[in-house]
Amino acid sequence: MLKQLGIAVAVLCLTAAGLCQENHFDVSLGGTYAFSKQSSGNGIDLKPTAASGFLATVRLRFRPSSSFQFNYGRTKDRQVYTAAPFTYSVQSTIAEFTGEYIYNFAPHGKFEPFLMGGAGVLVFTPGETFVNTSLSGFGAVRQYRPAVLYGGGVDYAVYKRIGIRVQYRGLVFSNPDFNVHSLFIGGKGHMAEPAVGVVYKF
């Protein structure tokens, strides 16, 4: 799957490169802060910790009000599962591979607001695992979760081709269990992700 995503990104970049002279292409890099909602099911409570991360984007505008964007994001948090009398903790690296449609509307001066909607995949990669406060392995493995993305934000032109992008992003996905049966909750997780980044327009 990751190989196919890499090919898709390469095709997008090559296509965008041919449009650079028309100012239809931009890239951005910024920071995020992710808040994931708590979930419960099957007698287990899941409380992910909040965490900072980064977000890189490639945006291709094919109409004045319409764009397509590909995102790569990365954050590290801790997924904490409580099933009394045990607490299981998984240090988790979350990688995001998503794409979405961007609708730009009502530009005013240096401000250009936008809405977004799309989908992709989140990759949960476990690090150290703990049972209660003791380092302990319980078989957690990497897990892929399809995700739906929505949100909105605004671009602010700072100087010539350089701008600032402020946005809110929401991701909806099935709660991870790292293929450990005793951590299965079911249901949907939600990650709220405000982000601020620098944009360069070609």
N, C-alpha and C. Protein backbone atom coordinates (compact mmCIF):
# COMPACT_ATOMS: atom_id res chain seq x y z
N MET A 1 0.82 -1.20 0.00
CA MET A 1 0.00 0.00 0.00
C MET A 1 0.86 1.26 0.00
N LEU A 2 1.93 1.28 0.83
CA LEU A 2 2.79 2.45 0.90
C LEU A 2 3.50 2.68 -0.43
N LYS A 3 3.87 1.59 -1.13
CA LYS A 3 4.50 1.73 -2.44
C LYS A 3 3.55 2.39 -3.42
N GLN A 4 2.28 1.98 -3.40
CA GLN A 4 1.29 2.58 -4.29
C GLN A 4 1.07 4.05 -3.97
N LEU A 5 1.07 4.39 -2.68
CA LEU A 5 0.93 5.80 -2.29
C LEU A 5 2.12 6.61 -2.78
N GLY A 6 3.32 6.01 -2.71
CA GLY A 6 4.51 6.70 -3.18
C GLY A 6 4.44 6.99 -4.67
N ILE A 7 3.94 6.03 -5.45
CA ILE A 7 3.78 6.22 -6.89
C ILE A 7 2.77 7.33 -7.17
N ALA A 8 1.67 7.34 -6.39
CA ALA A 8 0.65 8.39 -6.57
C ALA A 8 1.22 9.77 -6.29
N VAL A 9 2.04 9.87 -5.26
CA VAL A 9 2.65 11.15 -4.93
C VAL A 9 3.59 11.60 -6.05
N ALA A 10 4.38 10.65 -6.58
CA ALA A 10 5.31 10.99 -7.66
C ALA A 10 4.57 11.49 -8.89
N VAL A 11 3.46 10.85 -9.24
CA VAL A 11 2.66 11.28 -10.39
C VAL A 11 2.10 12.67 -10.15
N LEU A 12 1.60 12.90 -8.92
CA LEU A 12 1.05 14.21 -8.59
C LEU A 12 2.11 15.30 -8.70
N CYS A 13 3.31 15.01 -8.20
CA CYS A 13 4.39 16.01 -8.23
C CYS A 13 4.82 16.30 -9.66
N LEU A 14 4.90 15.27 -10.51
CA LEU A 14 5.29 15.48 -11.89
C LEU A 14 4.24 16.30 -12.64
N THR A 15 2.97 16.00 -12.36
CA THR A 15 1.89 16.78 -12.98
C THR A 15 1.94 18.23 -12.53
N ALA A 16 2.15 18.40 -11.23
CA ALA A 16 2.18 19.76 -10.69
C ALA A 16 3.37 20.54 -11.23
N ALA A 17 4.50 19.86 -11.43
CA ALA A 17 5.69 20.55 -11.92
C ALA A 17 5.43 21.19 -13.27
N GLY A 18 4.59 20.56 -14.08
CA GLY A 18 4.28 21.11 -15.39
C GLY A 18 3.39 22.34 -15.32
N LEU A 19 2.80 22.56 -14.13
CA LEU A 19 1.90 23.71 -13.98
C LEU A 19 2.48 24.82 -13.11
N CYS A 20 3.72 24.65 -12.70
CA CYS A 20 4.32 25.60 -11.78
C CYS A 20 4.29 27.03 -12.31
N GLN A 21 4.52 27.20 -13.63
CA GLN A 21 4.59 28.53 -14.18
C GLN A 21 3.24 29.24 -14.17
N GLU A 22 2.18 28.51 -13.91
CA GLU A 22 0.85 29.10 -13.89
C GLU A 22 0.37 29.37 -12.46
N ASN A 23 1.27 29.24 -11.47
CA ASN A 23 0.93 29.47 -10.08
C ASN A 23 -0.22 28.59 -9.59
N HIS A 24 -0.20 27.35 -10.03
CA HIS A 24 -1.24 26.41 -9.64
C HIS A 24 -0.75 25.41 -8.60
N PHE A 25 0.40 25.62 -8.02
CA PHE A 25 1.05 24.60 -7.22
C PHE A 25 1.63 25.22 -5.96
N ASP A 26 1.42 24.60 -4.80
CA ASP A 26 2.10 25.07 -3.60
C ASP A 26 2.46 23.90 -2.69
N VAL A 27 3.45 24.14 -1.84
CA VAL A 27 3.87 23.16 -0.84
C VAL A 27 3.86 23.86 0.51
N SER A 28 3.65 23.10 1.57
CA SER A 28 3.67 23.70 2.90
C SER A 28 4.25 22.71 3.90
N LEU A 29 4.79 23.26 4.97
CA LEU A 29 5.33 22.47 6.07
C LEU A 29 4.99 23.19 7.36
N GLY A 30 4.47 22.46 8.32
CA GLY A 30 4.08 23.12 9.56
C GLY A 30 3.98 22.16 10.72
N GLY A 31 3.56 22.71 11.85
CA GLY A 31 3.40 21.92 13.06
C GLY A 31 1.94 21.67 13.39
N THR A 32 1.69 20.58 14.09
CA THR A 32 0.33 20.21 14.49
C THR A 32 0.31 19.90 15.99
N TYR A 33 -0.89 19.89 16.54
CA TYR A 33 -1.08 19.41 17.91
C TYR A 33 -2.37 18.60 17.92
N ALA A 34 -2.24 17.31 18.18
CA ALA A 34 -3.36 16.38 18.01
C ALA A 34 -4.00 16.03 19.34
N PHE A 35 -5.34 16.10 19.36
CA PHE A 35 -6.13 15.70 20.51
C PHE A 35 -7.06 14.56 20.05
N SER A 36 -6.92 13.39 20.65
CA SER A 36 -7.78 12.26 20.28
C SER A 36 -8.82 12.03 21.36
N LYS A 37 -10.04 11.72 20.95
CA LYS A 37 -11.12 11.54 21.91
C LYS A 37 -10.97 10.21 22.65
N GLN A 38 -11.51 10.17 23.84
CA GLN A 38 -11.53 8.94 24.62
C GLN A 38 -12.63 8.03 24.10
N SER A 39 -12.40 6.72 24.19
CA SER A 39 -13.38 5.74 23.71
C SER A 39 -13.50 4.61 24.73
N SER A 40 -14.65 3.94 24.70
CA SER A 40 -14.88 2.80 25.58
C SER A 40 -15.62 1.71 24.83
N GLY A 41 -15.33 0.46 25.18
CA GLY A 41 -16.02 -0.67 24.58
C GLY A 41 -15.42 -1.97 25.08
N ASN A 42 -16.27 -2.99 25.20
CA ASN A 42 -15.82 -4.32 25.65
C ASN A 42 -15.12 -4.26 27.01
N GLY A 43 -15.57 -3.33 27.87
CA GLY A 43 -14.99 -3.23 29.19
C GLY A 43 -13.63 -2.57 29.22
N ILE A 44 -13.25 -1.87 28.13
CA ILE A 44 -11.94 -1.24 28.02
C ILE A 44 -12.13 0.25 27.76
N ASP A 45 -11.33 1.07 28.44
CA ASP A 45 -11.31 2.51 28.20
C ASP A 45 -10.00 2.86 27.49
N LEU A 46 -10.10 3.64 26.42
CA LEU A 46 -8.92 4.09 25.67
C LEU A 46 -8.79 5.60 25.83
N LYS A 47 -7.62 6.04 26.32
CA LYS A 47 -7.35 7.47 26.49
C LYS A 47 -6.02 7.81 25.82
N PRO A 48 -6.05 8.19 24.53
CA PRO A 48 -4.80 8.61 23.88
C PRO A 48 -4.33 9.94 24.46
N THR A 49 -3.03 10.11 24.52
CA THR A 49 -2.48 11.39 24.99
C THR A 49 -2.44 12.38 23.85
N ALA A 50 -2.46 13.68 24.20
CA ALA A 50 -2.27 14.73 23.19
C ALA A 50 -0.79 14.77 22.81
N ALA A 51 -0.51 15.18 21.56
CA ALA A 51 0.87 15.14 21.10
C ALA A 51 1.09 16.12 19.95
N SER A 52 2.29 16.64 19.85
CA SER A 52 2.66 17.51 18.73
C SER A 52 3.19 16.68 17.59
N GLY A 53 3.23 17.27 16.41
CA GLY A 53 3.73 16.57 15.23
C GLY A 53 4.00 17.55 14.11
N PHE A 54 4.16 17.03 12.90
CA PHE A 54 4.34 17.91 11.75
C PHE A 54 3.48 17.44 10.60
N LEU A 55 3.25 18.36 9.66
CA LEU A 55 2.41 18.09 8.50
C LEU A 55 3.05 18.71 7.27
N ALA A 56 3.22 17.91 6.22
CA ALA A 56 3.72 18.38 4.93
C ALA A 56 2.63 18.17 3.89
N THR A 57 2.42 19.16 3.03
CA THR A 57 1.36 19.07 2.02
C THR A 57 1.86 19.50 0.65
N VAL A 58 1.21 18.95 -0.36
CA VAL A 58 1.40 19.34 -1.76
C VAL A 58 0.01 19.64 -2.30
N ARG A 59 -0.19 20.85 -2.81
CA ARG A 59 -1.52 21.25 -3.29
C ARG A 59 -1.46 21.64 -4.76
N LEU A 60 -2.38 21.10 -5.53
CA LEU A 60 -2.48 21.38 -6.97
C LEU A 60 -3.84 22.02 -7.24
N ARG A 61 -3.84 23.27 -7.72
CA ARG A 61 -5.09 23.97 -8.02
C ARG A 61 -5.42 23.81 -9.50
N PHE A 62 -6.57 23.21 -9.77
CA PHE A 62 -6.96 22.99 -11.16
C PHE A 62 -8.10 23.90 -11.59
N ARG A 63 -8.71 24.63 -10.66
CA ARG A 63 -9.68 25.68 -10.95
C ARG A 63 -9.48 26.79 -9.92
N PRO A 64 -9.98 27.99 -10.17
CA PRO A 64 -9.78 29.07 -9.20
C PRO A 64 -10.26 28.73 -7.79
N SER A 65 -11.33 27.93 -7.69
CA SER A 65 -11.88 27.61 -6.37
C SER A 65 -11.65 26.16 -5.97
N SER A 66 -10.96 25.37 -6.80
CA SER A 66 -10.84 23.94 -6.53
C SER A 66 -9.40 23.47 -6.60
N SER A 67 -9.02 22.66 -5.61
CA SER A 67 -7.67 22.12 -5.55
C SER A 67 -7.73 20.68 -5.06
N PHE A 68 -6.63 19.95 -5.33
CA PHE A 68 -6.43 18.64 -4.72
C PHE A 68 -5.16 18.72 -3.89
N GLN A 69 -5.18 18.09 -2.72
CA GLN A 69 -4.02 18.16 -1.84
C GLN A 69 -3.66 16.77 -1.33
N PHE A 70 -2.35 16.50 -1.27
CA PHE A 70 -1.85 15.28 -0.65
C PHE A 70 -1.11 15.66 0.63
N ASN A 71 -1.33 14.88 1.69
CA ASN A 71 -0.75 15.18 2.99
C ASN A 71 0.09 14.02 3.52
N TYR A 72 1.21 14.36 4.13
CA TYR A 72 1.95 13.41 4.94
C TYR A 72 2.15 14.03 6.32
N GLY A 73 1.66 13.34 7.34
CA GLY A 73 1.80 13.84 8.69
C GLY A 73 2.40 12.79 9.60
N ARG A 74 2.94 13.25 10.71
CA ARG A 74 3.57 12.32 11.65
C ARG A 74 3.47 12.90 13.06
N THR A 75 3.04 12.07 13.98
CA THR A 75 2.97 12.46 15.38
C THR A 75 3.23 11.25 16.25
N LYS A 76 3.65 11.48 17.48
CA LYS A 76 3.88 10.40 18.43
C LYS A 76 3.06 10.65 19.68
N ASP A 77 2.27 9.65 20.06
CA ASP A 77 1.48 9.77 21.27
C ASP A 77 1.58 8.47 22.06
N ARG A 78 0.74 8.36 23.05
CA ARG A 78 0.68 7.13 23.85
C ARG A 78 -0.78 6.69 23.90
N GLN A 79 -1.05 5.48 23.46
CA GLN A 79 -2.39 4.91 23.53
C GLN A 79 -2.49 4.13 24.84
N VAL A 80 -3.37 4.59 25.71
CA VAL A 80 -3.48 4.02 27.05
C VAL A 80 -4.83 3.30 27.19
N TYR A 81 -4.78 1.99 27.38
CA TYR A 81 -5.97 1.14 27.51
C TYR A 81 -6.10 0.70 28.96
N THR A 82 -7.27 0.92 29.55
CA THR A 82 -7.51 0.50 30.92
C THR A 82 -8.58 -0.58 30.94
N ALA A 83 -8.17 -1.75 31.42
CA ALA A 83 -9.09 -2.88 31.61
C ALA A 83 -8.78 -3.42 33.00
N ALA A 84 -9.46 -2.87 34.00
CA ALA A 84 -9.13 -3.16 35.40
C ALA A 84 -8.93 -4.66 35.64
N PRO A 85 -7.89 -5.03 36.38
CA PRO A 85 -6.95 -4.17 37.15
C PRO A 85 -5.70 -3.77 36.35
N PHE A 86 -5.73 -3.92 35.01
CA PHE A 86 -4.52 -3.66 34.22
C PHE A 86 -4.66 -2.39 33.38
N THR A 87 -3.54 -1.71 33.19
CA THR A 87 -3.44 -0.59 32.27
C THR A 87 -2.35 -0.90 31.26
N TYR A 88 -2.73 -0.93 29.98
CA TYR A 88 -1.79 -1.22 28.89
C TYR A 88 -1.46 0.09 28.18
N SER A 89 -0.20 0.35 28.01
CA SER A 89 0.24 1.60 27.38
C SER A 89 1.13 1.28 26.19
N VAL A 90 0.81 1.90 25.05
CA VAL A 90 1.59 1.68 23.81
C VAL A 90 2.11 3.02 23.32
N GLN A 91 3.42 3.17 23.29
CA GLN A 91 4.01 4.35 22.65
C GLN A 91 3.80 4.18 21.15
N SER A 92 3.14 5.15 20.52
CA SER A 92 2.69 4.96 19.14
C SER A 92 3.15 6.10 18.24
N THR A 93 3.71 5.74 17.10
CA THR A 93 4.00 6.71 16.05
C THR A 93 2.87 6.60 15.03
N ILE A 94 2.22 7.73 14.75
CA ILE A 94 1.10 7.74 13.81
C ILE A 94 1.52 8.48 12.55
N ALA A 95 1.55 7.77 11.44
CA ALA A 95 1.85 8.39 10.14
C ALA A 95 0.55 8.54 9.36
N GLU A 96 0.39 9.67 8.72
CA GLU A 96 -0.83 9.97 7.95
C GLU A 96 -0.51 10.09 6.46
N PHE A 97 -1.26 9.38 5.65
CA PHE A 97 -1.19 9.49 4.19
C PHE A 97 -2.61 9.77 3.70
N THR A 98 -2.92 11.01 3.39
CA THR A 98 -4.28 11.36 3.00
C THR A 98 -4.29 12.28 1.79
N GLY A 99 -5.42 12.32 1.13
CA GLY A 99 -5.64 13.25 0.03
C GLY A 99 -7.04 13.81 0.14
N GLU A 100 -7.22 15.07 -0.30
CA GLU A 100 -8.54 15.66 -0.18
C GLU A 100 -8.79 16.72 -1.24
N TYR A 101 -10.07 17.01 -1.40
CA TYR A 101 -10.52 18.11 -2.25
C TYR A 101 -10.55 19.37 -1.40
N ILE A 102 -10.03 20.47 -1.96
CA ILE A 102 -10.02 21.77 -1.29
C ILE A 102 -10.93 22.73 -2.04
N TYR A 103 -11.85 23.36 -1.31
CA TYR A 103 -12.72 24.37 -1.90
C TYR A 103 -12.32 25.73 -1.34
N ASN A 104 -11.79 26.60 -2.20
CA ASN A 104 -11.44 27.96 -1.81
C ASN A 104 -12.62 28.90 -2.05
N PHE A 105 -12.93 29.75 -1.10
CA PHE A 105 -14.10 30.62 -1.25
C PHE A 105 -13.83 31.99 -0.63
N ALA A 106 -14.55 32.97 -1.11
CA ALA A 106 -14.59 34.33 -0.55
C ALA A 106 -13.22 34.89 -0.21
N PRO A 107 -12.27 34.91 -1.16
CA PRO A 107 -10.97 35.54 -0.86
C PRO A 107 -11.16 37.04 -0.60
N HIS A 108 -10.37 37.56 0.33
CA HIS A 108 -10.49 38.98 0.68
C HIS A 108 -9.10 39.51 1.01
N GLY A 109 -8.58 40.37 0.16
CA GLY A 109 -7.25 40.90 0.38
C GLY A 109 -6.21 39.80 0.41
N LYS A 110 -5.47 39.72 1.50
CA LYS A 110 -4.44 38.70 1.64
C LYS A 110 -4.97 37.39 2.22
N PHE A 111 -6.27 37.35 2.53
CA PHE A 111 -6.86 36.17 3.16
C PHE A 111 -7.59 35.32 2.12
N GLU A 112 -7.41 34.02 2.20
CA GLU A 112 -8.13 33.09 1.33
C GLU A 112 -8.57 31.87 2.15
N PRO A 113 -9.82 31.84 2.59
CA PRO A 113 -10.32 30.71 3.37
C PRO A 113 -10.60 29.50 2.49
N PHE A 114 -10.65 28.33 3.12
CA PHE A 114 -10.92 27.09 2.38
C PHE A 114 -11.56 26.05 3.28
N LEU A 115 -12.27 25.13 2.65
CA LEU A 115 -12.83 23.94 3.29
C LEU A 115 -12.22 22.71 2.64
N MET A 116 -12.19 21.59 3.37
CA MET A 116 -11.57 20.38 2.83
C MET A 116 -12.36 19.13 3.21
N GLY A 117 -12.23 18.11 2.37
CA GLY A 117 -12.82 16.82 2.66
C GLY A 117 -12.11 15.75 1.86
N GLY A 118 -11.76 14.64 2.52
CA GLY A 118 -11.04 13.60 1.81
C GLY A 118 -10.90 12.35 2.65
N ALA A 119 -9.91 11.53 2.30
CA ALA A 119 -9.72 10.24 2.96
C ALA A 119 -8.28 9.78 2.78
N GLY A 120 -7.95 8.71 3.45
CA GLY A 120 -6.61 8.14 3.34
C GLY A 120 -6.41 7.04 4.35
N VAL A 121 -5.21 6.95 4.89
CA VAL A 121 -4.89 5.88 5.84
C VAL A 121 -3.99 6.43 6.94
N LEU A 122 -4.21 5.94 8.16
CA LEU A 122 -3.33 6.20 9.28
C LEU A 122 -2.57 4.92 9.60
N VAL A 123 -1.27 5.04 9.84
CA VAL A 123 -0.43 3.89 10.16
C VAL A 123 0.03 4.03 11.61
N PHE A 124 -0.41 3.11 12.47
CA PHE A 124 -0.05 3.11 13.88
C PHE A 124 1.10 2.13 14.08
N THR A 125 2.27 2.64 14.45
CA THR A 125 3.45 1.80 14.66
C THR A 125 3.80 1.82 16.15
N PRO A 126 3.76 0.66 16.81
CA PRO A 126 4.02 0.63 18.25
C PRO A 126 5.50 0.76 18.58
N GLY A 127 5.79 1.41 19.70
CA GLY A 127 7.13 1.44 20.25
C GLY A 127 7.17 0.60 21.52
N GLU A 128 7.67 1.17 22.61
CA GLU A 128 7.70 0.44 23.88
C GLU A 128 6.28 0.26 24.41
N THR A 129 6.04 -0.87 25.02
CA THR A 129 4.74 -1.17 25.60
C THR A 129 4.89 -1.45 27.10
N PHE A 130 3.87 -1.05 27.84
CA PHE A 130 3.90 -1.19 29.30
C PHE A 130 2.61 -1.84 29.78
N VAL A 131 2.73 -2.65 30.84
CA VAL A 131 1.56 -3.13 31.58
C VAL A 131 1.67 -2.53 32.96
N ASN A 132 0.65 -1.76 33.34
CA ASN A 132 0.71 -0.88 34.50
C ASN A 132 1.94 0.01 34.34
N THR A 133 2.92 -0.05 35.19
CA THR A 133 4.09 0.82 35.02
C THR A 133 5.34 0.04 34.60
N SER A 134 5.17 -1.23 34.28
CA SER A 134 6.32 -2.08 33.95
C SER A 134 6.44 -2.28 32.45
N LEU A 135 7.66 -2.13 31.94
CA LEU A 135 7.92 -2.40 30.53
C LEU A 135 7.64 -3.86 30.25
N SER A 136 6.75 -4.12 29.30
CA SER A 136 6.34 -5.51 29.05
C SER A 136 5.81 -5.64 27.63
N GLY A 137 6.23 -6.67 26.95
CA GLY A 137 5.74 -6.92 25.59
C GLY A 137 4.46 -7.73 25.62
N PHE A 138 3.48 -7.32 24.79
CA PHE A 138 2.24 -8.11 24.69
C PHE A 138 1.80 -8.28 23.24
N GLY A 139 2.77 -8.21 22.31
CA GLY A 139 2.48 -8.57 20.92
C GLY A 139 1.92 -7.48 20.05
N ALA A 140 2.05 -6.22 20.42
CA ALA A 140 1.52 -5.12 19.60
C ALA A 140 2.30 -5.03 18.29
N VAL A 141 1.58 -4.90 17.18
CA VAL A 141 2.21 -4.80 15.87
C VAL A 141 1.62 -3.62 15.10
N ARG A 142 2.31 -3.22 14.03
CA ARG A 142 1.86 -2.10 13.19
C ARG A 142 0.46 -2.38 12.64
N GLN A 143 -0.34 -1.31 12.57
CA GLN A 143 -1.73 -1.46 12.12
C GLN A 143 -2.12 -0.29 11.22
N TYR A 144 -2.84 -0.60 10.15
CA TYR A 144 -3.32 0.40 9.18
C TYR A 144 -4.80 0.63 9.43
N ARG A 145 -5.19 1.91 9.47
CA ARG A 145 -6.59 2.25 9.66
C ARG A 145 -7.04 3.25 8.58
N PRO A 146 -8.06 2.90 7.76
CA PRO A 146 -8.63 3.90 6.84
C PRO A 146 -9.16 5.08 7.64
N ALA A 147 -9.07 6.27 7.06
CA ALA A 147 -9.50 7.47 7.77
C ALA A 147 -10.25 8.41 6.84
N VAL A 148 -11.21 9.13 7.38
CA VAL A 148 -11.92 10.20 6.68
C VAL A 148 -11.43 11.52 7.26
N LEU A 149 -11.14 12.47 6.37
CA LEU A 149 -10.58 13.76 6.76
C LEU A 149 -11.55 14.88 6.42
N TYR A 150 -11.70 15.84 7.33
CA TYR A 150 -12.50 17.03 7.06
C TYR A 150 -11.85 18.21 7.76
N GLY A 151 -12.25 19.42 7.38
CA GLY A 151 -11.72 20.57 8.08
C GLY A 151 -11.81 21.85 7.27
N GLY A 152 -11.05 22.83 7.69
CA GLY A 152 -11.05 24.12 7.01
C GLY A 152 -9.96 24.99 7.58
N GLY A 153 -9.72 26.11 6.91
CA GLY A 153 -8.68 27.00 7.38
C GLY A 153 -8.59 28.24 6.50
N VAL A 154 -7.45 28.92 6.60
CA VAL A 154 -7.25 30.13 5.82
C VAL A 154 -5.77 30.28 5.49
N ASP A 155 -5.50 30.74 4.27
CA ASP A 155 -4.15 31.12 3.86
C ASP A 155 -4.03 32.64 3.95
N TYR A 156 -2.88 33.09 4.45
CA TYR A 156 -2.62 34.53 4.54
C TYR A 156 -1.32 34.83 3.81
N ALA A 157 -1.39 35.67 2.78
CA ALA A 157 -0.21 36.02 1.98
C ALA A 157 0.69 36.96 2.78
N VAL A 158 1.94 36.57 2.96
CA VAL A 158 2.88 37.36 3.74
C VAL A 158 3.78 38.21 2.84
N TYR A 159 4.40 37.54 1.86
CA TYR A 159 5.33 38.25 0.98
C TYR A 159 5.48 37.49 -0.32
N LYS A 160 5.07 38.10 -1.41
CA LYS A 160 5.16 37.50 -2.73
C LYS A 160 4.60 36.09 -2.73
N ARG A 161 5.45 35.06 -2.84
CA ARG A 161 4.98 33.68 -2.94
C ARG A 161 4.88 32.97 -1.59
N ILE A 162 5.16 33.66 -0.51
CA ILE A 162 5.21 33.03 0.81
C ILE A 162 3.97 33.41 1.61
N GLY A 163 3.39 32.42 2.29
CA GLY A 163 2.22 32.67 3.10
C GLY A 163 2.21 31.84 4.36
N ILE A 164 1.20 32.08 5.19
CA ILE A 164 0.96 31.32 6.40
C ILE A 164 -0.37 30.59 6.25
N ARG A 165 -0.41 29.34 6.63
CA ARG A 165 -1.65 28.56 6.57
C ARG A 165 -2.03 28.13 7.99
N VAL A 166 -3.23 28.53 8.40
CA VAL A 166 -3.79 28.13 9.69
C VAL A 166 -5.03 27.29 9.40
N GLN A 167 -5.11 26.12 10.02
CA GLN A 167 -6.23 25.23 9.69
C GLN A 167 -6.60 24.34 10.87
N TYR A 168 -7.83 23.83 10.79
CA TYR A 168 -8.30 22.78 11.68
C TYR A 168 -8.57 21.54 10.84
N ARG A 169 -8.06 20.39 11.30
CA ARG A 169 -8.25 19.14 10.58
C ARG A 169 -8.85 18.13 11.55
N GLY A 170 -9.83 17.37 11.07
CA GLY A 170 -10.41 16.30 11.87
C GLY A 170 -10.28 14.98 11.14
N LEU A 171 -9.86 13.94 11.84
CA LEU A 171 -9.69 12.61 11.26
C LEU A 171 -10.55 11.61 12.02
N VAL A 172 -11.36 10.84 11.28
CA VAL A 172 -12.23 9.82 11.86
C VAL A 172 -11.74 8.45 11.38
N PHE A 173 -11.60 7.50 12.31
CA PHE A 173 -11.01 6.20 11.97
C PHE A 173 -11.44 5.17 13.01
N SER A 174 -11.23 3.91 12.71
CA SER A 174 -11.52 2.85 13.70
C SER A 174 -10.41 2.84 14.74
N ASN A 175 -10.80 2.70 15.99
CA ASN A 175 -9.81 2.72 17.07
C ASN A 175 -8.75 1.63 16.88
N PRO A 176 -7.49 1.95 17.10
CA PRO A 176 -6.44 0.94 16.94
C PRO A 176 -6.42 -0.04 18.12
N ASP A 177 -6.03 -1.28 17.84
CA ASP A 177 -5.80 -2.25 18.92
C ASP A 177 -4.48 -2.99 18.72
N PHE A 178 -3.73 -2.61 17.68
CA PHE A 178 -2.41 -3.18 17.39
C PHE A 178 -2.45 -4.70 17.26
N ASN A 179 -3.62 -5.19 16.79
CA ASN A 179 -3.85 -6.63 16.61
C ASN A 179 -3.67 -7.43 17.90
N VAL A 180 -3.98 -6.79 19.02
CA VAL A 180 -3.98 -7.47 20.33
C VAL A 180 -5.43 -7.61 20.76
N HIS A 181 -5.90 -8.85 20.84
CA HIS A 181 -7.33 -9.11 21.09
C HIS A 181 -7.81 -8.44 22.37
N SER A 182 -6.99 -8.45 23.41
CA SER A 182 -7.43 -7.90 24.69
C SER A 182 -7.52 -6.38 24.69
N LEU A 183 -7.08 -5.72 23.58
CA LEU A 183 -7.17 -4.27 23.48
C LEU A 183 -8.27 -3.84 22.50
N PHE A 184 -9.05 -4.78 21.99
CA PHE A 184 -10.08 -4.44 21.01
C PHE A 184 -11.24 -3.71 21.68
N ILE A 185 -11.49 -2.49 21.18
CA ILE A 185 -12.59 -1.68 21.70
C ILE A 185 -13.74 -1.62 20.70
N GLY A 186 -13.41 -1.54 19.41
CA GLY A 186 -14.43 -1.30 18.39
C GLY A 186 -14.77 0.18 18.37
N GLY A 187 -15.68 0.54 17.51
CA GLY A 187 -16.10 1.94 17.45
C GLY A 187 -15.10 2.82 16.72
N LYS A 188 -15.43 4.09 16.67
CA LYS A 188 -14.64 5.06 15.92
C LYS A 188 -13.84 5.97 16.84
N GLY A 189 -12.63 6.26 16.41
CA GLY A 189 -11.82 7.26 17.07
C GLY A 189 -11.89 8.56 16.29
N HIS A 190 -11.53 9.65 16.96
CA HIS A 190 -11.50 10.96 16.31
C HIS A 190 -10.29 11.72 16.80
N MET A 191 -9.52 12.27 15.86
CA MET A 191 -8.36 13.07 16.20
C MET A 191 -8.55 14.48 15.67
N ALA A 192 -8.61 15.45 16.58
CA ALA A 192 -8.70 16.86 16.22
C ALA A 192 -7.27 17.39 16.12
N GLU A 193 -6.98 18.10 15.03
CA GLU A 193 -5.59 18.45 14.75
C GLU A 193 -5.48 19.88 14.22
N PRO A 194 -5.42 20.88 15.09
CA PRO A 194 -5.10 22.23 14.61
C PRO A 194 -3.67 22.28 14.11
N ALA A 195 -3.42 23.08 13.07
CA ALA A 195 -2.10 23.12 12.45
C ALA A 195 -1.78 24.53 11.95
N VAL A 196 -0.51 24.88 12.00
CA VAL A 196 -0.02 26.15 11.47
C VAL A 196 1.22 25.84 10.65
N GLY A 197 1.30 26.40 9.43
CA GLY A 197 2.44 26.12 8.58
C GLY A 197 2.80 27.26 7.65
N VAL A 198 3.96 27.12 7.03
CA VAL A 198 4.43 28.08 6.04
C VAL A 198 4.16 27.51 4.64
N VAL A 199 3.65 28.35 3.75
CA VAL A 199 3.29 27.93 2.40
C VAL A 199 4.20 28.64 1.39
N TYR A 200 4.65 27.90 0.41
CA TYR A 200 5.40 28.51 -0.71
C TYR A 200 4.66 28.18 -2.00
N LYS A 201 4.28 29.20 -2.75
CA LYS A 201 3.52 29.02 -3.98
C LYS A 201 4.43 29.20 -5.20
N PHE A 202 4.35 28.25 -6.12
CA PHE A 202 5.15 28.28 -7.34
C PHE A 202 4.38 28.99 -8.46
